[in-house]
Amino acid sequence: MPLNDAEILGSKPKAKPFRWADAKGLFVEILPSGSKLWRFKYRFTAKEKTLALGAYPENWQMRANDSFVWIAEE
């Protein structure tokens, strides 16, 4: 299910980092400090990797999705 601005802004930090998933590896990670970061999880040579795409809301979903499409095509 696609993320929306209200869900992300309304999420409160917890004691441990947690994630709001968007689609096919794209997610927002919310840290205990309250920082919200775009991340992309993928596999390369059978190893799981996570790529940092930038902070939320500076890199809102349009830019994050553009980065996601570019990375997925590589």
PDB file of N, CA and C in Angstrom:
ATOM      1  N   MET A   1       0.845  -1.175   0.000  1.00  0.00           N
ATOM      2  CA  MET A   1       0.000   0.000   0.000  1.00  0.00           C
ATOM      3  C   MET A   1       0.895   1.245   0.000  1.00  0.00           C
ATOM      4  N   PRO A   2       0.649   2.187  -0.900  1.00  0.00           N
ATOM      5  CA  PRO A   2       1.474   3.395  -0.951  1.00  0.00           C
ATOM      6  C   PRO A   2       1.369   4.228   0.325  1.00  0.00           C
ATOM      7  N   LEU A   3       2.472   4.812   0.696  1.00  0.00           N
ATOM      8  CA  LEU A   3       2.497   5.701   1.859  1.00  0.00           C
ATOM      9  C   LEU A   3       1.881   7.039   1.503  1.00  0.00           C
ATOM     10  N   ASN A   4       1.367   7.713   2.511  1.00  0.00           N
ATOM     11  CA  ASN A   4       0.912   9.083   2.287  1.00  0.00           C
ATOM     12  C   ASN A   4       1.514   9.984   3.358  1.00  0.00           C
ATOM     13  N   ASP A   5       1.471  11.272   3.081  1.00  0.00           N
ATOM     14  CA  ASP A   5       2.103  12.263   3.943  1.00  0.00           C
ATOM     15  C   ASP A   5       1.561  12.216   5.373  1.00  0.00           C
ATOM     16  N   ALA A   6       0.251  12.043   5.528  1.00  0.00           N
ATOM     17  CA  ALA A   6      -0.370  12.037   6.858  1.00  0.00           C
ATOM     18  C   ALA A   6       0.143  10.879   7.715  1.00  0.00           C
ATOM     19  N   GLU A   7       0.299   9.700   7.117  1.00  0.00           N
ATOM     20  CA  GLU A   7       0.807   8.542   7.868  1.00  0.00           C
ATOM     21  C   GLU A   7       2.222   8.790   8.381  1.00  0.00           C
ATOM     22  N   ILE A   8       3.059   9.317   7.504  1.00  0.00           N
ATOM     23  CA  ILE A   8       4.459   9.528   7.875  1.00  0.00           C
ATOM     24  C   ILE A   8       4.580  10.630   8.921  1.00  0.00           C
ATOM     25  N   LEU A   9       3.919  11.748   8.685  1.00  0.00           N
ATOM     26  CA  LEU A   9       3.986  12.859   9.642  1.00  0.00           C
ATOM     27  C   LEU A   9       3.376  12.493  10.991  1.00  0.00           C
ATOM     28  N   GLY A  10       2.346  11.650  10.982  1.00  0.00           N
ATOM     29  CA  GLY A  10       1.665  11.261  12.212  1.00  0.00           C
ATOM     30  C   GLY A  10       2.373  10.187  13.011  1.00  0.00           C
ATOM     31  N   SER A  11       3.388   9.568  12.435  1.00  0.00           N
ATOM     32  CA  SER A  11       4.076   8.494  13.151  1.00  0.00           C
ATOM     33  C   SER A  11       4.994   9.068  14.224  1.00  0.00           C
ATOM     34  N   LYS A  12       4.909   8.494  15.394  1.00  0.00           N
ATOM     35  CA  LYS A  12       5.708   8.926  16.549  1.00  0.00           C
ATOM     36  C   LYS A  12       6.917   8.013  16.699  1.00  0.00           C
ATOM     37  N   PRO A  13       8.068   8.562  17.083  1.00  0.00           N
ATOM     38  CA  PRO A  13       9.252   7.717  17.293  1.00  0.00           C
ATOM     39  C   PRO A  13       9.028   6.720  18.429  1.00  0.00           C
ATOM     40  N   LYS A  14       9.675   5.582  18.315  1.00  0.00           N
ATOM     41  CA  LYS A  14       9.616   4.542  19.345  1.00  0.00           C
ATOM     42  C   LYS A  14      11.027   4.316  19.881  1.00  0.00           C
ATOM     43  N   ALA A  15      11.150   3.411  20.837  1.00  0.00           N
ATOM     44  CA  ALA A  15      12.453   3.129  21.443  1.00  0.00           C
ATOM     45  C   ALA A  15      13.438   2.538  20.433  1.00  0.00           C
ATOM     46  N   LYS A  16      12.919   1.811  19.434  1.00  0.00           N
ATOM     47  CA  LYS A  16      13.761   1.209  18.401  1.00  0.00           C
ATOM     48  C   LYS A  16      13.301   1.720  17.037  1.00  0.00           C
ATOM     49  N   PRO A  17      14.214   1.759  16.064  1.00  0.00           N
ATOM     50  CA  PRO A  17      13.812   2.184  14.715  1.00  0.00           C
ATOM     51  C   PRO A  17      12.736   1.258  14.150  1.00  0.00           C
ATOM     52  N   PHE A  18      11.817   1.819  13.370  1.00  0.00           N
ATOM     53  CA  PHE A  18      10.820   1.003  12.690  1.00  0.00           C
ATOM     54  C   PHE A  18      10.589   1.549  11.299  1.00  0.00           C
ATOM     55  N   ARG A  19       9.888   0.753  10.470  1.00  0.00           N
ATOM     56  CA  ARG A  19       9.746   1.075   9.050  1.00  0.00           C
ATOM     57  C   ARG A  19       8.286   1.128   8.622  1.00  0.00           C
ATOM     58  N   TRP A  20       8.010   2.051   7.698  1.00  0.00           N
ATOM     59  CA  TRP A  20       6.740   2.102   6.979  1.00  0.00           C
ATOM     60  C   TRP A  20       7.072   1.731   5.543  1.00  0.00           C
ATOM     61  N   ALA A  21       6.603   0.584   5.073  1.00  0.00           N
ATOM     62  CA  ALA A  21       6.922   0.108   3.727  1.00  0.00           C
ATOM     63  C   ALA A  21       5.999   0.734   2.694  1.00  0.00           C
ATOM     64  N   ASP A  22       6.553   1.000   1.514  1.00  0.00           N
ATOM     65  CA  ASP A  22       5.776   1.546   0.408  1.00  0.00           C
ATOM     66  C   ASP A  22       5.575   0.477  -0.660  1.00  0.00           C
ATOM     67  N   ALA A  23       6.592   0.152  -1.416  1.00  0.00           N
ATOM     68  CA  ALA A  23       6.443  -0.847  -2.473  1.00  0.00           C
ATOM     69  C   ALA A  23       7.803  -1.364  -2.911  1.00  0.00           C
ATOM     70  N   LYS A  24       7.876  -2.656  -3.144  1.00  0.00           N
ATOM     71  CA  LYS A  24       9.055  -3.286  -3.731  1.00  0.00           C
ATOM     72  C   LYS A  24      10.378  -2.825  -3.131  1.00  0.00           C
ATOM     73  N   GLY A  25      10.457  -2.779  -1.820  1.00  0.00           N
ATOM     74  CA  GLY A  25      11.704  -2.450  -1.154  1.00  0.00           C
ATOM     75  C   GLY A  25      11.850  -1.007  -0.706  1.00  0.00           C
ATOM     76  N   LEU A  26      10.969  -0.111  -1.136  1.00  0.00           N
ATOM     77  CA  LEU A  26      11.039   1.295  -0.744  1.00  0.00           C
ATOM     78  C   LEU A  26      10.323   1.476   0.590  1.00  0.00           C
ATOM     79  N   PHE A  27      10.972   2.169   1.552  1.00  0.00           N
ATOM     80  CA  PHE A  27      10.342   2.390   2.850  1.00  0.00           C
ATOM     81  C   PHE A  27      10.893   3.637   3.515  1.00  0.00           C
ATOM     82  N   VAL A  28      10.163   4.099   4.535  1.00  0.00           N
ATOM     83  CA  VAL A  28      10.618   5.198   5.382  1.00  0.00           C
ATOM     84  C   VAL A  28      10.984   4.582   6.719  1.00  0.00           C
ATOM     85  N   GLU A  29      12.185   4.876   7.198  1.00  0.00           N
ATOM     86  CA  GLU A  29      12.631   4.389   8.499  1.00  0.00           C
ATOM     87  C   GLU A  29      12.522   5.531   9.500  1.00  0.00           C
ATOM     88  N   ILE A  30      11.835   5.282  10.612  1.00  0.00           N
ATOM     89  CA  ILE A  30      11.665   6.295  11.655  1.00  0.00           C
ATOM     90  C   ILE A  30      12.568   5.910  12.822  1.00  0.00           C
ATOM     91  N   LEU A  31      13.499   6.791  13.137  1.00  0.00           N
ATOM     92  CA  LEU A  31      14.493   6.538  14.179  1.00  0.00           C
ATOM     93  C   LEU A  31      14.008   7.052  15.532  1.00  0.00           C
ATOM     94  N   PRO A  32      14.576   6.551  16.643  1.00  0.00           N
ATOM     95  CA  PRO A  32      14.179   7.020  17.978  1.00  0.00           C
ATOM     96  C   PRO A  32      14.345   8.532  18.157  1.00  0.00           C
ATOM     97  N   SER A  33      15.259   9.135  17.418  1.00  0.00           N
ATOM     98  CA  SER A  33      15.471  10.588  17.506  1.00  0.00           C
ATOM     99  C   SER A  33      14.348  11.373  16.831  1.00  0.00           C
ATOM    100  N   GLY A  34      13.498  10.680  16.068  1.00  0.00           N
ATOM    101  CA  GLY A  34      12.418  11.336  15.340  1.00  0.00           C
ATOM    102  C   GLY A  34      12.742  11.571  13.877  1.00  0.00           C
ATOM    103  N   SER A  35      13.973  11.296  13.463  1.00  0.00           N
ATOM    104  CA  SER A  35      14.357  11.443  12.055  1.00  0.00           C
ATOM    105  C   SER A  35      13.601  10.432  11.208  1.00  0.00           C
ATOM    106  N   LYS A  36      13.216  10.849  10.014  1.00  0.00           N
ATOM    107  CA  LYS A  36      12.507   9.985   9.071  1.00  0.00           C
ATOM    108  C   LYS A  36      13.323   9.948   7.789  1.00  0.00           C
ATOM    109  N   LEU A  37      13.730   8.744   7.393  1.00  0.00           N
ATOM    110  CA  LEU A  37      14.665   8.583   6.289  1.00  0.00           C
ATOM    111  C   LEU A  37      14.126   7.627   5.236  1.00  0.00           C
ATOM    112  N   TRP A  38      14.274   7.995   3.954  1.00  0.00           N
ATOM    113  CA  TRP A  38      13.927   7.104   2.853  1.00  0.00           C
ATOM    114  C   TRP A  38      15.032   6.076   2.691  1.00  0.00           C
ATOM    115  N   ARG A  39      14.637   4.815   2.533  1.00  0.00           N
ATOM    116  CA  ARG A  39      15.577   3.719   2.320  1.00  0.00           C
ATOM    117  C   ARG A  39      15.026   2.819   1.214  1.00  0.00           C
ATOM    118  N   PHE A  40      15.919   2.101   0.573  1.00  0.00           N
ATOM    119  CA  PHE A  40      15.537   1.127  -0.449  1.00  0.00           C
ATOM    120  C   PHE A  40      16.291  -0.165  -0.175  1.00  0.00           C
ATOM    121  N   LYS A  41      15.547  -1.250   0.018  1.00  0.00           N
ATOM    122  CA  LYS A  41      16.145  -2.555   0.305  1.00  0.00           C
ATOM    123  C   LYS A  41      16.126  -3.387  -0.976  1.00  0.00           C
ATOM    124  N   TYR A  42      17.273  -4.003  -1.286  1.00  0.00           N
ATOM    125  CA  TYR A  42      17.373  -4.805  -2.500  1.00  0.00           C
ATOM    126  C   TYR A  42      18.373  -5.935  -2.286  1.00  0.00           C
ATOM    127  N   ARG A  43      18.422  -6.831  -3.247  1.00  0.00           N
ATOM    128  CA  ARG A  43      19.376  -7.936  -3.205  1.00  0.00           C
ATOM    129  C   ARG A  43      20.335  -7.809  -4.380  1.00  0.00           C
ATOM    130  N   PHE A  44      21.613  -8.037  -4.097  1.00  0.00           N
ATOM    131  CA  PHE A  44      22.641  -8.048  -5.128  1.00  0.00           C
ATOM    132  C   PHE A  44      23.582  -9.187  -4.814  1.00  0.00           C
ATOM    133  N   THR A  45      23.800 -10.056  -5.768  1.00  0.00           N
ATOM    134  CA  THR A  45      24.605 -11.270  -5.594  1.00  0.00           C
ATOM    135  C   THR A  45      24.219 -12.015  -4.318  1.00  0.00           C
ATOM    136  N   ALA A  46      22.929 -12.228  -4.156  1.00  0.00           N
ATOM    137  CA  ALA A  46      22.348 -12.994  -3.046  1.00  0.00           C
ATOM    138  C   ALA A  46      22.549 -12.358  -1.673  1.00  0.00           C
ATOM    139  N   LYS A  47      22.977 -11.097  -1.629  1.00  0.00           N
ATOM    140  CA  LYS A  47      23.127 -10.397  -0.355  1.00  0.00           C
ATOM    141  C   LYS A  47      22.121  -9.260  -0.282  1.00  0.00           C
ATOM    142  N   GLU A  48      21.484  -9.132   0.869  1.00  0.00           N
ATOM    143  CA  GLU A  48      20.536  -8.040   1.072  1.00  0.00           C
ATOM    144  C   GLU A  48      21.290  -6.760   1.403  1.00  0.00           C
ATOM    145  N   LYS A  49      20.917  -5.683   0.729  1.00  0.00           N
ATOM    146  CA  LYS A  49      21.558  -4.386   0.944  1.00  0.00           C
ATOM    147  C   LYS A  49      20.484  -3.330   1.137  1.00  0.00           C
ATOM    148  N   THR A  50      20.842  -2.233   1.799  1.00  0.00           N
ATOM    149  CA  THR A  50      19.932  -1.106   1.991  1.00  0.00           C
ATOM    150  C   THR A  50      20.628   0.158   1.513  1.00  0.00           C
ATOM    151  N   LEU A  51      19.932   0.902   0.673  1.00  0.00           N
ATOM    152  CA  LEU A  51      20.464   2.133   0.111  1.00  0.00           C
ATOM    153  C   LEU A  51      19.731   3.322   0.726  1.00  0.00           C
ATOM    154  N   ALA A  52      20.476   4.312   1.199  1.00  0.00           N
ATOM    155  CA  ALA A  52      19.886   5.534   1.760  1.00  0.00           C
ATOM    156  C   ALA A  52      19.547   6.483   0.618  1.00  0.00           C
ATOM    157  N   LEU A  53      18.290   6.969   0.575  1.00  0.00           N
ATOM    158  CA  LEU A  53      17.849   7.877  -0.484  1.00  0.00           C
ATOM    159  C   LEU A  53      17.707   9.315  -0.011  1.00  0.00           C
ATOM    160  N   GLY A  54      17.764   9.544   1.296  1.00  0.00           N
ATOM    161  CA  GLY A  54      17.667  10.912   1.805  1.00  0.00           C
ATOM    162  C   GLY A  54      16.654  11.038   2.919  1.00  0.00           C
ATOM    163  N   ALA A  55      16.562  12.244   3.446  1.00  0.00           N
ATOM    164  CA  ALA A  55      15.678  12.513   4.584  1.00  0.00           C
ATOM    165  C   ALA A  55      14.265  12.837   4.119  1.00  0.00           C
ATOM    166  N   TYR A  56      13.300  12.558   4.979  1.00  0.00           N
ATOM    167  CA  TYR A  56      11.916  12.950   4.761  1.00  0.00           C
ATOM    168  C   TYR A  56      11.693  14.214   5.577  1.00  0.00           C
ATOM    169  N   PRO A  57      11.029  15.221   5.163  1.00  0.00           N
ATOM    170  CA  PRO A  57      10.260  15.384   3.928  1.00  0.00           C
ATOM    171  C   PRO A  57      11.051  16.014   2.792  1.00  0.00           C
ATOM    172  N   GLU A  58      12.343  16.314   2.985  1.00  0.00           N
ATOM    173  CA  GLU A  58      13.116  16.951   1.920  1.00  0.00           C
ATOM    174  C   GLU A  58      13.059  16.145   0.626  1.00  0.00           C
ATOM    175  N   ASN A  59      13.129  14.830   0.738  1.00  0.00           N
ATOM    176  CA  ASN A  59      12.998  13.945  -0.423  1.00  0.00           C
ATOM    177  C   ASN A  59      11.642  13.271  -0.363  1.00  0.00           C
ATOM    178  N   TRP A  60      10.606  13.987  -0.636  1.00  0.00           N
ATOM    179  CA  TRP A  60       9.267  13.413  -0.538  1.00  0.00           C
ATOM    180  C   TRP A  60       9.085  12.346  -1.577  1.00  0.00           C
ATOM    181  N   GLN A  61       7.947  11.702  -1.586  1.00  0.00           N
ATOM    182  CA  GLN A  61       7.723  10.464  -2.309  1.00  0.00           C
ATOM    183  C   GLN A  61       8.027  10.546  -3.802  1.00  0.00           C
ATOM    184  N   MET A  62       7.766  11.653  -4.441  1.00  0.00           N
ATOM    185  CA  MET A  62       8.022  11.739  -5.876  1.00  0.00           C
ATOM    186  C   MET A  62       9.505  11.514  -6.164  1.00  0.00           C
ATOM    187  N   ARG A  63      10.365  12.190  -5.433  1.00  0.00           N
ATOM    188  CA  ARG A  63      11.802  12.013  -5.641  1.00  0.00           C
ATOM    189  C   ARG A  63      12.245  10.628  -5.207  1.00  0.00           C
ATOM    190  N   ALA A  64      11.692  10.118  -4.120  1.00  0.00           N
ATOM    191  CA  ALA A  64      12.060   8.777  -3.657  1.00  0.00           C
ATOM    192  C   ALA A  64      11.624   7.737  -4.683  1.00  0.00           C
ATOM    193  N   ASN A  65      10.421   7.873  -5.226  1.00  0.00           N
ATOM    194  CA  ASN A  65       9.956   6.930  -6.239  1.00  0.00           C
ATOM    195  C   ASN A  65      10.791   7.024  -7.510  1.00  0.00           C
ATOM    196  N   ASP A  66      11.211   8.229  -7.897  1.00  0.00           N
ATOM    197  CA  ASP A  66      12.084   8.379  -9.061  1.00  0.00           C
ATOM    198  C   ASP A  66      13.405   7.655  -8.828  1.00  0.00           C
ATOM    199  N   SER A  67      13.973   7.795  -7.645  1.00  0.00           N
ATOM    200  CA  SER A  67      15.214   7.100  -7.309  1.00  0.00           C
ATOM    201  C   SER A  67      14.999   5.598  -7.316  1.00  0.00           C
ATOM    202  N   PHE A  68      13.860   5.164  -6.790  1.00  0.00           N
ATOM    203  CA  PHE A  68      13.523   3.746  -6.740  1.00  0.00           C
ATOM    204  C   PHE A  68      13.468   3.167  -8.150  1.00  0.00           C
ATOM    205  N   VAL A  69      12.799   3.855  -9.078  1.00  0.00           N
ATOM    206  CA  VAL A  69      12.677   3.376 -10.454  1.00  0.00           C
ATOM    207  C   VAL A  69      14.052   3.307 -11.106  1.00  0.00           C
ATOM    208  N   TRP A  70      14.865   4.321 -10.906  1.00  0.00           N
ATOM    209  CA  TRP A  70      16.200   4.352 -11.488  1.00  0.00           C
ATOM    210  C   TRP A  70      17.052   3.193 -10.962  1.00  0.00           C
ATOM    211  N   ILE A  71      16.995   2.954  -9.663  1.00  0.00           N
ATOM    212  CA  ILE A  71      17.785   1.876  -9.054  1.00  0.00           C
ATOM    213  C   ILE A  71      17.282   0.517  -9.522  1.00  0.00           C
ATOM    214  N   ALA A  72      15.958   0.349  -9.569  1.00  0.00           N
ATOM    215  CA  ALA A  72      15.375  -0.929  -9.965  1.00  0.00           C
ATOM    216  C   ALA A  72      15.739  -1.281 -11.410  1.00  0.00           C
ATOM    217  N   GLU A  73      15.913  -0.270 -12.258  1.00  0.00           N
ATOM    218  CA  GLU A  73      16.270  -0.524 -13.652  1.00  0.00           C
ATOM    219  C   GLU A  73      17.734  -0.918 -13.813  1.00  0.00           C
ATOM    220  N   GLU A  74      18.568  -0.553 -12.850  1.00  0.00           N
ATOM    221  CA  GLU A  74      20.008  -0.850 -12.949  1.00  0.00           C
ATOM    222  C   GLU A  74      20.297  -2.314 -12.844  1.00  0.00           C
TER     223      GLU A  74
END
